[in-house]
Amino acid sequence: MATLSRTATKGRLPFVAMTASDVDPADGFAGQGSVAGRDVKCLTPGVQMLCHSTGYRQGETDFHDMRLLNARFGTPLAPPFDAS
């Protein structure tokens, strides 16, 4: 599992730095999908899960979206989304 760290800055959004032995962040930009029939580039499901798991207070929409990501792609649920 990736190690995530957060550094808060005054008046700005937090910066999230990712390091991982099992996820290459550069490869995380290699996702492909479609919106309204148009091909788009996007983050991979694994990197989406990592980015949503830290750096801010997750809301109901985040929990819903991450469950959908898990159901569709089999992406393991990261904390806090792994709690029942």
C-alpha atoms as a PDB file:
ATOM      1  CA  MET A   1       0.000   0.000   0.000  1.00  0.00           C
ATOM      2  CA  ALA A   2       1.213   3.495  -0.758  1.00  0.00           C
ATOM      3  CA  THR A   3       2.466   5.843   1.900  1.00  0.00           C
ATOM      4  CA  LEU A   4       0.680   9.168   1.811  1.00  0.00           C
ATOM      5  CA  SER A   5       1.725  12.272   3.655  1.00  0.00           C
ATOM      6  CA  ARG A   6       0.095  15.678   3.936  1.00  0.00           C
ATOM      7  CA  THR A   7       1.723  19.044   4.463  1.00  0.00           C
ATOM      8  CA  ALA A   8      -0.712  21.842   5.275  1.00  0.00           C
ATOM      9  CA  THR A   9       0.068  25.357   4.107  1.00  0.00           C
ATOM     10  CA  LYS A  10      -1.442  28.573   5.367  1.00  0.00           C
ATOM     11  CA  GLY A  11      -4.596  29.491   3.481  1.00  0.00           C
ATOM     12  CA  ARG A  12      -4.000  26.953   0.725  1.00  0.00           C
ATOM     13  CA  LEU A  13      -5.222  23.512  -0.101  1.00  0.00           C
ATOM     14  CA  PRO A  14      -3.100  20.745   1.417  1.00  0.00           C
ATOM     15  CA  PHE A  15      -0.332  19.233  -0.658  1.00  0.00           C
ATOM     16  CA  VAL A  16      -0.422  15.454  -0.860  1.00  0.00           C
ATOM     17  CA  ALA A  17       2.802  13.635  -1.682  1.00  0.00           C
ATOM     18  CA  MET A  18       2.569  10.010  -2.781  1.00  0.00           C
ATOM     19  CA  THR A  19       5.300   7.437  -2.562  1.00  0.00           C
ATOM     20  CA  ALA A  20       4.655   3.765  -3.127  1.00  0.00           C
ATOM     21  CA  SER A  21       6.339   0.506  -3.881  1.00  0.00           C
ATOM     22  CA  ASP A  22       3.253  -0.864  -5.657  1.00  0.00           C
ATOM     23  CA  VAL A  23       1.963   2.252  -7.444  1.00  0.00           C
ATOM     24  CA  ASP A  24       3.931   4.435  -9.820  1.00  0.00           C
ATOM     25  CA  PRO A  25       2.286   7.876  -9.743  1.00  0.00           C
ATOM     26  CA  ALA A  26       3.403   8.563 -13.332  1.00  0.00           C
ATOM     27  CA  ASP A  27       1.521   5.458 -14.464  1.00  0.00           C
ATOM     28  CA  GLY A  28      -1.492   6.829 -12.589  1.00  0.00           C
ATOM     29  CA  PHE A  29      -2.023   9.342 -15.391  1.00  0.00           C
ATOM     30  CA  ALA A  30      -2.361   6.585 -17.984  1.00  0.00           C
ATOM     31  CA  GLY A  31      -6.066   5.955 -17.362  1.00  0.00           C
ATOM     32  CA  GLN A  32      -8.543   6.109 -20.217  1.00  0.00           C
ATOM     33  CA  GLY A  33     -12.287   6.464 -20.150  1.00  0.00           C
ATOM     34  CA  SER A  34     -15.188   8.053 -21.943  1.00  0.00           C
ATOM     35  CA  VAL A  35     -17.612  10.858 -21.181  1.00  0.00           C
ATOM     36  CA  ALA A  36     -20.729  11.154 -23.317  1.00  0.00           C
ATOM     37  CA  GLY A  37     -19.103   8.878 -25.910  1.00  0.00           C
ATOM     38  CA  ARG A  38     -15.917  10.916 -26.105  1.00  0.00           C
ATOM     39  CA  ASP A  39     -12.583   9.305 -25.161  1.00  0.00           C
ATOM     40  CA  VAL A  40     -10.814  11.085 -22.296  1.00  0.00           C
ATOM     41  CA  LYS A  41      -7.592  10.642 -20.326  1.00  0.00           C
ATOM     42  CA  CYS A  42      -7.990  10.253 -16.578  1.00  0.00           C
ATOM     43  CA  LEU A  43      -6.351   8.896 -13.439  1.00  0.00           C
ATOM     44  CA  THR A  44      -6.259   5.134 -13.013  1.00  0.00           C
ATOM     45  CA  PRO A  45      -8.713   3.654 -10.492  1.00  0.00           C
ATOM     46  CA  GLY A  46      -5.892   2.876  -8.018  1.00  0.00           C
ATOM     47  CA  VAL A  47      -4.561   6.428  -8.022  1.00  0.00           C
ATOM     48  CA  GLN A  48      -8.096   7.819  -7.746  1.00  0.00           C
ATOM     49  CA  MET A  49      -8.552   5.725  -4.601  1.00  0.00           C
ATOM     50  CA  LEU A  50      -5.234   6.947  -3.167  1.00  0.00           C
ATOM     51  CA  CYS A  51      -6.015  10.592  -3.899  1.00  0.00           C
ATOM     52  CA  HIS A  52      -9.436  10.357  -2.265  1.00  0.00           C
ATOM     53  CA  SER A  53      -8.201   8.622   0.876  1.00  0.00           C
ATOM     54  CA  THR A  54      -6.299  11.519   2.462  1.00  0.00           C
ATOM     55  CA  GLY A  55      -5.876  15.280   2.486  1.00  0.00           C
ATOM     56  CA  TYR A  56      -9.442  16.307   3.239  1.00  0.00           C
ATOM     57  CA  ARG A  57     -12.568  15.285   5.129  1.00  0.00           C
ATOM     58  CA  GLN A  58     -14.440  12.785   3.000  1.00  0.00           C
ATOM     59  CA  GLY A  59     -18.178  13.196   2.536  1.00  0.00           C
ATOM     60  CA  GLU A  60     -20.999  10.847   1.627  1.00  0.00           C
ATOM     61  CA  THR A  61     -20.371  11.421  -2.089  1.00  0.00           C
ATOM     62  CA  ASP A  62     -16.747  10.312  -1.709  1.00  0.00           C
ATOM     63  CA  PHE A  63     -17.795   7.110   0.059  1.00  0.00           C
ATOM     64  CA  HIS A  64     -20.396   6.447  -2.647  1.00  0.00           C
ATOM     65  CA  ASP A  65     -17.928   7.106  -5.476  1.00  0.00           C
ATOM     66  CA  MET A  66     -15.191   4.936  -3.985  1.00  0.00           C
ATOM     67  CA  ARG A  67     -17.639   2.041  -3.483  1.00  0.00           C
ATOM     68  CA  LEU A  68     -18.574   2.380  -7.179  1.00  0.00           C
ATOM     69  CA  LEU A  69     -14.882   2.420  -8.130  1.00  0.00           C
ATOM     70  CA  ASN A  70     -14.368  -0.743  -6.093  1.00  0.00           C
ATOM     71  CA  ALA A  71     -17.398  -2.481  -7.602  1.00  0.00           C
ATOM     72  CA  ARG A  72     -16.552  -1.558 -11.203  1.00  0.00           C
ATOM     73  CA  PHE A  73     -12.764  -2.050 -11.227  1.00  0.00           C
ATOM     74  CA  GLY A  74     -12.040  -4.168  -8.134  1.00  0.00           C
ATOM     75  CA  THR A  75      -9.876  -1.406  -6.696  1.00  0.00           C
ATOM     76  CA  PRO A  76      -9.220  -2.243  -3.016  1.00  0.00           C
ATOM     77  CA  LEU A  77     -10.940   0.197  -0.657  1.00  0.00           C
ATOM     78  CA  ALA A  78      -8.383   2.336   1.182  1.00  0.00           C
ATOM     79  CA  PRO A  79      -9.027   3.782   4.643  1.00  0.00           C
ATOM     80  CA  PRO A  80     -11.411   5.369   5.510  1.00  0.00           C
ATOM     81  CA  PHE A  81     -13.489   3.762   2.768  1.00  0.00           C
ATOM     82  CA  ASP A  82     -12.750   0.217   3.933  1.00  0.00           C
ATOM     83  CA  ALA A  83     -14.826   0.603   7.134  1.00  0.00           C
ATOM     84  CA  SER A  84     -18.258  -1.010   6.920  1.00  0.00           C
END
